[in-house]
Protein backbone atom coordinates (compact mmCIF):
# COMPACT_ATOMS: atom_id res chain seq x y z
CA MET A 1 -18.07 -4.94 12.36
CA GLU A 2 -19.00 -3.63 8.96
CA VAL A 3 -21.85 -4.34 6.59
CA GLY A 4 -21.18 -3.94 2.90
CA TRP A 5 -24.06 -3.67 0.44
CA GLY A 6 -23.25 -4.27 -3.14
CA LEU A 7 -22.66 -6.70 -5.92
CA PHE A 8 -20.48 -9.74 -5.21
CA THR A 9 -18.90 -11.25 -8.29
CA ALA A 10 -16.38 -14.04 -8.70
CA LEU A 11 -15.19 -15.86 -11.78
CA CYS A 12 -14.70 -19.53 -10.95
CA ILE A 13 -14.80 -22.85 -12.69
CA THR A 14 -17.58 -25.15 -11.60
CA ARG A 15 -16.31 -27.97 -9.44
CA ARG A 16 -19.25 -30.33 -9.79
CA VAL A 17 -22.72 -30.48 -11.38
CA ILE A 18 -25.03 -33.17 -10.04
CA ARG A 19 -28.75 -33.85 -10.25
CA ASP A 20 -29.99 -30.64 -8.66
CA GLN A 21 -26.84 -28.80 -7.57
CA ILE A 22 -23.90 -26.85 -8.90
CA THR A 23 -20.86 -26.33 -6.66
CA TRP A 24 -17.73 -24.25 -7.00
CA VAL A 25 -14.71 -23.58 -4.86
CA ALA A 26 -12.56 -20.45 -5.02
CA GLU A 27 -9.29 -21.21 -6.80
CA ARG A 28 -6.21 -20.39 -4.72
CA SER A 29 -2.95 -20.13 -6.59
CA PRO A 30 -0.11 -17.57 -6.61
CA ASP A 31 -0.56 -17.42 -10.41
CA ILE A 32 -4.20 -16.30 -10.13
CA LYS A 33 -4.84 -12.71 -9.09
CA THR A 34 -7.99 -12.44 -6.99
CA ASP A 35 -9.67 -9.76 -4.91
CA LEU A 36 -11.37 -12.44 -2.79
CA PRO A 37 -9.30 -12.88 0.39
CA PRO A 38 -8.93 -16.40 1.87
CA ASN A 39 -11.83 -17.49 4.11
CA HIS A 40 -13.88 -14.45 3.05
CA ARG A 41 -17.27 -14.33 4.77
CA LEU A 42 -19.75 -15.26 2.08
CA GLY A 43 -22.80 -15.02 4.35
CA GLY A 44 -25.71 -13.23 2.74
CA ILE A 45 -25.21 -14.41 -0.83
CA SER A 46 -27.82 -17.17 -0.50
CA GLY A 47 -30.75 -16.50 -2.78
CA GLY A 48 -28.55 -14.71 -5.29
CA PRO A 49 -28.11 -15.84 -8.87
CA LEU A 50 -25.33 -18.08 -10.12
CA ILE A 51 -24.66 -16.92 -13.66
CA GLY A 52 -22.88 -19.26 -16.06
CA LEU A 53 -20.69 -18.05 -18.90
CA PHE A 54 -21.00 -20.27 -21.96
CA GLU A 55 -19.53 -20.09 -25.44
CA THR A 56 -21.28 -21.36 -28.56
CA GLN A 57 -19.52 -23.26 -31.35
CA GLY A 58 -19.51 -19.95 -33.25
CA HIS A 59 -17.54 -18.37 -30.36
CA LEU A 60 -20.42 -16.22 -29.14
CA SER A 61 -20.29 -15.81 -25.35
CA GLN A 62 -23.54 -15.75 -23.41
CA HIS A 63 -24.48 -15.39 -19.75
CA VAL A 64 -27.17 -17.78 -18.51
CA LEU A 65 -28.94 -18.12 -15.17
CA SER A 66 -27.59 -21.47 -14.02
CA GLY A 67 -28.83 -21.61 -10.44
CA ILE A 68 -29.81 -19.91 -7.22
CA ILE A 69 -27.21 -19.93 -4.43
CA SER A 70 -28.43 -21.96 -1.44
CA GLN A 71 -25.28 -22.38 0.68
CA ALA A 72 -21.91 -20.71 1.10
CA HIS A 73 -19.32 -22.22 3.43
CA GLN A 74 -16.61 -19.82 4.58
CA GLU A 75 -14.18 -22.46 5.84
CA LEU A 76 -14.39 -24.60 2.72
CA GLU A 77 -14.82 -21.63 0.37
CA ASN A 78 -17.51 -23.78 -1.19
CA VAL A 79 -20.66 -22.37 -2.81
CA VAL A 80 -23.68 -24.54 -3.61
CA ALA A 81 -26.49 -23.50 -5.94
CA ARG A 82 -29.72 -25.24 -6.90
CA ARG A 83 -29.86 -25.72 -10.65
CA ALA A 84 -32.14 -23.27 -12.45
CA ASP A 85 -34.08 -26.03 -14.20
CA PHE A 86 -35.50 -27.00 -10.77
CA ILE A 87 -37.04 -23.53 -10.27
CA CYS A 88 -40.76 -23.25 -11.06
CA ASP A 89 -42.45 -20.22 -12.64
CA ASP A 90 -43.78 -19.19 -9.20
CA GLY A 91 -40.25 -19.20 -7.72
CA SER A 92 -40.63 -22.42 -5.74
CA ILE A 93 -37.98 -25.09 -6.05
CA VAL A 94 -38.96 -28.63 -7.03
CA GLU A 95 -37.26 -31.45 -5.16
CA PRO A 96 -35.65 -33.91 -7.58
CA GLN A 97 -37.17 -37.36 -7.76
CA ARG A 98 -35.05 -40.25 -6.57
CA GLY A 99 -33.18 -41.99 -9.36
CA VAL A 100 -33.51 -39.00 -11.69
């Protein structure tokens, strides 16, 4: 039993963006070198930021707060974040309206 305090980073491609959520799954391929072992315990990352890396037409890269992590499933290696545009100035999260 060991507790590790520190920054967790992973570079992944978003799997799906829907109304209020962004999801990604760790890519597993022999061609992709990763420090993230299979079925790594992701508990404790909820509430952390999901930062998106975007490139402008002029090829300028920028990091943007895209969401706040709300779920991380070890078995599925699936991370779910609430989209940042649903976060209010006071930090509360607005529930999306049906049909929106």
